[in-house]
Amino acid sequence: MNLRNSNQGKTNVEAEREAMKRLDFLVGKWSGRALVLRGPGEAIELRQSEEVHYKLDGLVLLVEGAGCNAEGQIVFQALAIISYDDTTSTYRFRAYSDGHYLDTELIVRPSSLWCKSGT
């Protein structure tokens, strides 16, 4: 197996690791009320827990989430990976839930994070 980045170029692992440090504030265990929209008219209110930690010596963030209904049953689970591509200077957000996935650019600003639509 030959592993390469998506652009087939040479990566600067230290630059990627340094860029990922901008997301240090996400690391930890988080929980609170959440509203999940599964489609038109399909909103679910639940208690969401997220655990975020670095993997691969700081090159990626792993985000694991689970949401419980009022009865304490898990009704929503998701897994996401956040990485940085130094060849394009972009963060990537890849999320998986209920047999679906999202692969998009993550825009990182000093006071916010958001996924770029249309990718």
N, C-alpha and C. Protein backbone atom coordinates (compact mmCIF):
# COMPACT_ATOMS: atom_id res chain seq x y z
N MET A 1 0.84 -1.16 0.00
CA MET A 1 0.00 0.00 0.00
C MET A 1 0.90 1.23 0.00
N ASN A 2 0.56 2.19 -0.81
CA ASN A 2 1.30 3.43 -0.92
C ASN A 2 0.43 4.57 -0.42
N LEU A 3 0.77 5.16 0.73
CA LEU A 3 -0.01 6.26 1.29
C LEU A 3 0.53 7.59 0.82
N ARG A 4 -0.36 8.42 0.33
CA ARG A 4 0.00 9.77 -0.11
C ARG A 4 -1.11 10.71 0.29
N ASN A 5 -0.79 12.00 0.33
CA ASN A 5 -1.88 12.93 0.60
C ASN A 5 -2.70 13.11 -0.67
N SER A 6 -3.82 13.79 -0.54
CA SER A 6 -4.76 13.90 -1.66
C SER A 6 -4.19 14.63 -2.86
N ASN A 7 -3.13 15.41 -2.68
CA ASN A 7 -2.56 16.17 -3.79
C ASN A 7 -1.28 15.56 -4.34
N GLN A 8 -0.90 14.39 -3.83
CA GLN A 8 0.27 13.67 -4.31
C GLN A 8 1.57 14.45 -4.12
N GLY A 9 1.56 15.51 -3.36
CA GLY A 9 2.77 16.30 -3.14
C GLY A 9 3.45 15.91 -1.84
N LYS A 10 4.61 16.50 -1.62
CA LYS A 10 5.34 16.23 -0.39
C LYS A 10 4.74 17.07 0.73
N THR A 11 4.45 16.43 1.84
CA THR A 11 3.84 17.15 2.95
C THR A 11 4.89 17.59 3.96
N ASN A 12 4.56 18.64 4.68
CA ASN A 12 5.38 19.14 5.76
C ASN A 12 4.64 18.78 7.05
N VAL A 13 4.98 17.64 7.62
CA VAL A 13 4.26 17.12 8.78
C VAL A 13 4.30 18.10 9.94
N GLU A 14 5.42 18.75 10.15
CA GLU A 14 5.51 19.70 11.27
C GLU A 14 4.59 20.90 11.05
N ALA A 15 4.47 21.37 9.82
CA ALA A 15 3.55 22.48 9.52
C ALA A 15 2.11 22.04 9.76
N GLU A 16 1.78 20.80 9.40
CA GLU A 16 0.44 20.29 9.64
C GLU A 16 0.16 20.17 11.13
N ARG A 17 1.12 19.65 11.87
CA ARG A 17 0.97 19.51 13.32
C ARG A 17 0.80 20.89 13.98
N GLU A 18 1.56 21.86 13.53
CA GLU A 18 1.48 23.22 14.08
C GLU A 18 0.11 23.84 13.77
N ALA A 19 -0.39 23.65 12.56
CA ALA A 19 -1.70 24.18 12.19
C ALA A 19 -2.81 23.56 13.03
N MET A 20 -2.68 22.29 13.35
CA MET A 20 -3.69 21.61 14.15
C MET A 20 -3.76 22.16 15.58
N LYS A 21 -2.68 22.77 16.05
CA LYS A 21 -2.68 23.35 17.40
C LYS A 21 -3.69 24.49 17.52
N ARG A 22 -4.11 25.08 16.40
CA ARG A 22 -5.13 26.12 16.43
C ARG A 22 -6.46 25.57 16.95
N LEU A 23 -6.60 24.24 16.94
CA LEU A 23 -7.84 23.61 17.37
C LEU A 23 -7.76 23.01 18.77
N ASP A 24 -6.70 23.34 19.50
CA ASP A 24 -6.53 22.82 20.86
C ASP A 24 -7.75 23.04 21.75
N PHE A 25 -8.47 24.15 21.54
CA PHE A 25 -9.61 24.47 22.39
C PHE A 25 -10.75 23.46 22.27
N LEU A 26 -10.74 22.64 21.23
CA LEU A 26 -11.78 21.64 21.05
C LEU A 26 -11.54 20.37 21.87
N VAL A 27 -10.30 20.14 22.27
CA VAL A 27 -9.95 18.90 22.96
C VAL A 27 -10.62 18.83 24.33
N GLY A 28 -11.24 17.68 24.59
CA GLY A 28 -11.87 17.47 25.89
C GLY A 28 -13.17 16.73 25.75
N LYS A 29 -13.92 16.70 26.85
CA LYS A 29 -15.24 16.08 26.88
C LYS A 29 -16.27 17.19 27.03
N TRP A 30 -17.27 17.15 26.19
CA TRP A 30 -18.28 18.18 26.15
C TRP A 30 -19.67 17.53 26.20
N SER A 31 -20.63 18.20 26.82
CA SER A 31 -22.00 17.70 26.79
C SER A 31 -22.97 18.85 27.00
N GLY A 32 -24.19 18.64 26.51
CA GLY A 32 -25.23 19.65 26.64
C GLY A 32 -26.42 19.31 25.77
N ARG A 33 -27.40 20.18 25.78
CA ARG A 33 -28.59 20.00 24.97
C ARG A 33 -28.26 20.27 23.51
N ALA A 34 -28.90 19.51 22.63
CA ALA A 34 -28.66 19.68 21.19
C ALA A 34 -29.95 19.43 20.43
N LEU A 35 -30.03 20.00 19.26
CA LEU A 35 -31.13 19.78 18.34
C LEU A 35 -30.53 19.26 17.05
N VAL A 36 -30.88 18.05 16.66
CA VAL A 36 -30.36 17.43 15.45
C VAL A 36 -31.45 17.47 14.39
N LEU A 37 -31.13 18.02 13.22
CA LEU A 37 -32.07 18.08 12.11
C LEU A 37 -31.74 16.96 11.13
N ARG A 38 -32.63 16.00 11.01
CA ARG A 38 -32.41 14.85 10.13
C ARG A 38 -33.11 15.01 8.79
N GLY A 39 -33.77 16.10 8.59
CA GLY A 39 -34.51 16.36 7.36
C GLY A 39 -35.66 17.29 7.67
N PRO A 40 -36.42 17.66 6.66
CA PRO A 40 -37.57 18.56 6.89
C PRO A 40 -38.54 17.96 7.91
N GLY A 41 -38.78 18.69 8.98
CA GLY A 41 -39.70 18.23 10.00
C GLY A 41 -39.19 17.11 10.87
N GLU A 42 -37.90 16.79 10.79
CA GLU A 42 -37.34 15.69 11.57
C GLU A 42 -36.32 16.18 12.59
N ALA A 43 -36.72 17.08 13.45
CA ALA A 43 -35.83 17.58 14.49
C ALA A 43 -35.93 16.70 15.73
N ILE A 44 -34.78 16.40 16.31
CA ILE A 44 -34.71 15.58 17.52
C ILE A 44 -33.97 16.37 18.59
N GLU A 45 -34.59 16.55 19.74
CA GLU A 45 -33.89 17.20 20.85
C GLU A 45 -33.28 16.11 21.72
N LEU A 46 -32.02 16.29 22.08
CA LEU A 46 -31.34 15.27 22.86
C LEU A 46 -30.24 15.86 23.72
N ARG A 47 -29.66 15.01 24.52
CA ARG A 47 -28.49 15.36 25.34
C ARG A 47 -27.28 14.81 24.59
N GLN A 48 -26.44 15.70 24.10
CA GLN A 48 -25.30 15.32 23.25
C GLN A 48 -24.01 15.34 24.07
N SER A 49 -23.19 14.32 23.87
CA SER A 49 -21.87 14.26 24.47
C SER A 49 -20.85 14.14 23.35
N GLU A 50 -19.77 14.86 23.47
CA GLU A 50 -18.69 14.80 22.48
C GLU A 50 -17.37 14.59 23.20
N GLU A 51 -16.54 13.73 22.63
CA GLU A 51 -15.19 13.54 23.15
C GLU A 51 -14.24 13.82 22.00
N VAL A 52 -13.31 14.74 22.21
CA VAL A 52 -12.40 15.18 21.16
C VAL A 52 -10.98 14.98 21.64
N HIS A 53 -10.17 14.28 20.84
CA HIS A 53 -8.78 14.10 21.20
C HIS A 53 -7.91 13.94 19.95
N TYR A 54 -6.64 14.27 20.11
CA TYR A 54 -5.68 14.14 19.02
C TYR A 54 -5.30 12.68 18.81
N LYS A 55 -5.02 12.36 17.57
CA LYS A 55 -4.49 11.06 17.18
C LYS A 55 -3.30 11.30 16.25
N LEU A 56 -2.54 10.25 16.02
CA LEU A 56 -1.37 10.30 15.11
C LEU A 56 -0.41 11.43 15.49
N ASP A 57 -0.12 11.50 16.78
CA ASP A 57 0.84 12.47 17.30
C ASP A 57 0.48 13.91 16.92
N GLY A 58 -0.82 14.22 17.00
CA GLY A 58 -1.27 15.60 16.78
C GLY A 58 -1.63 15.95 15.35
N LEU A 59 -1.61 14.99 14.44
CA LEU A 59 -1.91 15.28 13.04
C LEU A 59 -3.40 15.31 12.72
N VAL A 60 -4.21 14.63 13.52
CA VAL A 60 -5.66 14.65 13.30
C VAL A 60 -6.38 14.76 14.64
N LEU A 61 -7.58 15.31 14.58
CA LEU A 61 -8.46 15.32 15.74
C LEU A 61 -9.57 14.31 15.47
N LEU A 62 -9.85 13.48 16.46
CA LEU A 62 -10.94 12.53 16.37
C LEU A 62 -12.07 13.06 17.26
N VAL A 63 -13.26 13.18 16.68
CA VAL A 63 -14.43 13.68 17.39
C VAL A 63 -15.46 12.56 17.42
N GLU A 64 -15.83 12.12 18.62
CA GLU A 64 -16.83 11.07 18.77
C GLU A 64 -18.01 11.64 19.55
N GLY A 65 -19.19 11.49 18.97
CA GLY A 65 -20.37 12.05 19.62
C GLY A 65 -21.49 11.04 19.74
N ALA A 66 -22.29 11.21 20.79
CA ALA A 66 -23.48 10.38 20.99
C ALA A 66 -24.55 11.25 21.63
N GLY A 67 -25.78 11.06 21.16
CA GLY A 67 -26.90 11.81 21.70
C GLY A 67 -27.95 10.87 22.27
N CYS A 68 -28.46 11.21 23.44
CA CYS A 68 -29.47 10.39 24.10
C CYS A 68 -30.79 11.14 24.19
N ASN A 69 -31.89 10.39 24.07
CA ASN A 69 -33.21 10.99 24.23
C ASN A 69 -33.54 11.12 25.71
N ALA A 70 -34.75 11.57 26.01
CA ALA A 70 -35.15 11.80 27.41
C ALA A 70 -35.14 10.51 28.23
N GLU A 71 -35.28 9.36 27.57
CA GLU A 71 -35.26 8.07 28.27
C GLU A 71 -33.84 7.53 28.45
N GLY A 72 -32.84 8.24 27.96
CA GLY A 72 -31.46 7.81 28.10
C GLY A 72 -30.97 6.86 27.02
N GLN A 73 -31.79 6.62 25.99
CA GLN A 73 -31.39 5.75 24.88
C GLN A 73 -30.56 6.53 23.88
N ILE A 74 -29.50 5.92 23.38
CA ILE A 74 -28.68 6.56 22.34
C ILE A 74 -29.48 6.55 21.04
N VAL A 75 -29.73 7.74 20.49
CA VAL A 75 -30.51 7.86 19.26
C VAL A 75 -29.72 8.53 18.13
N PHE A 76 -28.52 8.98 18.45
CA PHE A 76 -27.68 9.63 17.44
C PHE A 76 -26.22 9.39 17.79
N GLN A 77 -25.46 8.93 16.80
CA GLN A 77 -24.02 8.76 16.98
C GLN A 77 -23.32 9.32 15.75
N ALA A 78 -22.16 9.90 15.97
CA ALA A 78 -21.38 10.44 14.85
C ALA A 78 -19.90 10.33 15.18
N LEU A 79 -19.10 10.28 14.13
CA LEU A 79 -17.65 10.24 14.26
C LEU A 79 -17.10 11.19 13.21
N ALA A 80 -16.14 12.01 13.58
CA ALA A 80 -15.54 12.95 12.63
C ALA A 80 -14.03 12.98 12.80
N ILE A 81 -13.38 13.32 11.72
CA ILE A 81 -11.92 13.48 11.71
C ILE A 81 -11.63 14.86 11.12
N ILE A 82 -10.79 15.61 11.81
CA ILE A 82 -10.35 16.92 11.32
C ILE A 82 -8.86 16.84 11.06
N SER A 83 -8.43 17.30 9.90
CA SER A 83 -7.01 17.28 9.55
C SER A 83 -6.65 18.57 8.83
N TYR A 84 -5.36 18.77 8.62
CA TYR A 84 -4.87 19.95 7.91
C TYR A 84 -4.00 19.49 6.75
N ASP A 85 -4.21 20.08 5.60
CA ASP A 85 -3.42 19.78 4.40
C ASP A 85 -2.52 20.98 4.11
N ASP A 86 -1.24 20.82 4.38
CA ASP A 86 -0.32 21.96 4.20
C ASP A 86 -0.11 22.32 2.74
N THR A 87 -0.36 21.39 1.82
CA THR A 87 -0.14 21.71 0.40
C THR A 87 -1.22 22.64 -0.15
N THR A 88 -2.41 22.64 0.48
CA THR A 88 -3.49 23.54 0.06
C THR A 88 -3.84 24.56 1.14
N SER A 89 -3.18 24.45 2.29
CA SER A 89 -3.44 25.34 3.44
C SER A 89 -4.90 25.31 3.85
N THR A 90 -5.49 24.11 3.89
CA THR A 90 -6.89 23.98 4.28
C THR A 90 -7.06 22.89 5.33
N TYR A 91 -8.08 23.08 6.15
CA TYR A 91 -8.50 22.06 7.10
C TYR A 91 -9.59 21.23 6.43
N ARG A 92 -9.61 19.94 6.69
CA ARG A 92 -10.64 19.05 6.16
C ARG A 92 -11.45 18.49 7.32
N PHE A 93 -12.75 18.40 7.12
CA PHE A 93 -13.67 17.85 8.10
C PHE A 93 -14.40 16.69 7.44
N ARG A 94 -14.24 15.50 8.00
CA ARG A 94 -14.89 14.29 7.47
C ARG A 94 -15.72 13.70 8.60
N ALA A 95 -17.03 13.63 8.40
CA ALA A 95 -17.93 13.15 9.45
C ALA A 95 -18.80 12.01 8.92
N TYR A 96 -19.13 11.10 9.81
CA TYR A 96 -19.90 9.91 9.47
C TYR A 96 -21.00 9.72 10.50
N SER A 97 -22.23 9.43 10.02
CA SER A 97 -23.36 9.18 10.91
C SER A 97 -24.48 8.50 10.13
N ASP A 98 -25.08 7.51 10.74
CA ASP A 98 -26.26 6.84 10.18
C ASP A 98 -26.08 6.41 8.72
N GLY A 99 -24.91 5.92 8.36
CA GLY A 99 -24.67 5.47 7.00
C GLY A 99 -24.40 6.58 6.00
N HIS A 100 -24.29 7.80 6.46
CA HIS A 100 -24.02 8.95 5.60
C HIS A 100 -22.66 9.54 5.98
N TYR A 101 -22.12 10.36 5.09
CA TYR A 101 -20.86 11.03 5.41
C TYR A 101 -20.84 12.43 4.82
N LEU A 102 -19.96 13.24 5.37
CA LEU A 102 -19.71 14.60 4.90
C LEU A 102 -18.21 14.75 4.80
N ASP A 103 -17.74 15.27 3.69
CA ASP A 103 -16.31 15.53 3.48
C ASP A 103 -16.22 16.94 2.92
N THR A 104 -15.76 17.88 3.72
CA THR A 104 -15.77 19.27 3.31
C THR A 104 -14.60 20.03 3.92
N GLU A 105 -14.41 21.23 3.46
CA GLU A 105 -13.39 22.11 4.03
C GLU A 105 -13.93 22.70 5.32
N LEU A 106 -13.09 22.77 6.32
CA LEU A 106 -13.43 23.40 7.59
C LEU A 106 -12.75 24.76 7.62
N ILE A 107 -13.53 25.81 7.74
CA ILE A 107 -12.99 27.16 7.80
C ILE A 107 -12.72 27.48 9.27
N VAL A 108 -11.48 27.82 9.58
CA VAL A 108 -11.06 28.11 10.95
C VAL A 108 -10.74 29.60 11.05
N ARG A 109 -11.53 30.28 11.86
CA ARG A 109 -11.34 31.71 12.12
C ARG A 109 -11.03 31.88 13.61
N PRO A 110 -10.49 33.02 14.00
CA PRO A 110 -10.16 33.21 15.43
C PRO A 110 -11.34 33.00 16.38
N SER A 111 -12.56 33.32 15.95
CA SER A 111 -13.69 33.20 16.86
C SER A 111 -14.76 32.21 16.40
N SER A 112 -14.48 31.44 15.35
CA SER A 112 -15.50 30.50 14.88
C SER A 112 -14.92 29.40 13.99
N LEU A 113 -15.71 28.35 13.83
CA LEU A 113 -15.44 27.25 12.91
C LEU A 113 -16.70 27.04 12.09
N TRP A 114 -16.55 26.75 10.81
CA TRP A 114 -17.72 26.38 10.01
C TRP A 114 -17.30 25.59 8.81
N CYS A 115 -18.23 24.78 8.33
CA CYS A 115 -17.96 23.93 7.16
C CYS A 115 -18.34 24.70 5.91
N LYS A 116 -17.48 24.61 4.92
CA LYS A 116 -17.74 25.25 3.64
C LYS A 116 -18.82 24.47 2.90
N SER A 117 -19.85 25.14 2.48
CA SER A 117 -20.94 24.44 1.77
C SER A 117 -20.58 24.25 0.32
N GLY A 118 -21.20 23.25 -0.28
CA GLY A 118 -21.01 22.99 -1.70
C GLY A 118 -19.79 22.17 -2.04
N THR A 119 -19.14 21.56 -1.03
CA THR A 119 -17.99 20.71 -1.33
C THR A 119 -18.26 19.30 -0.92
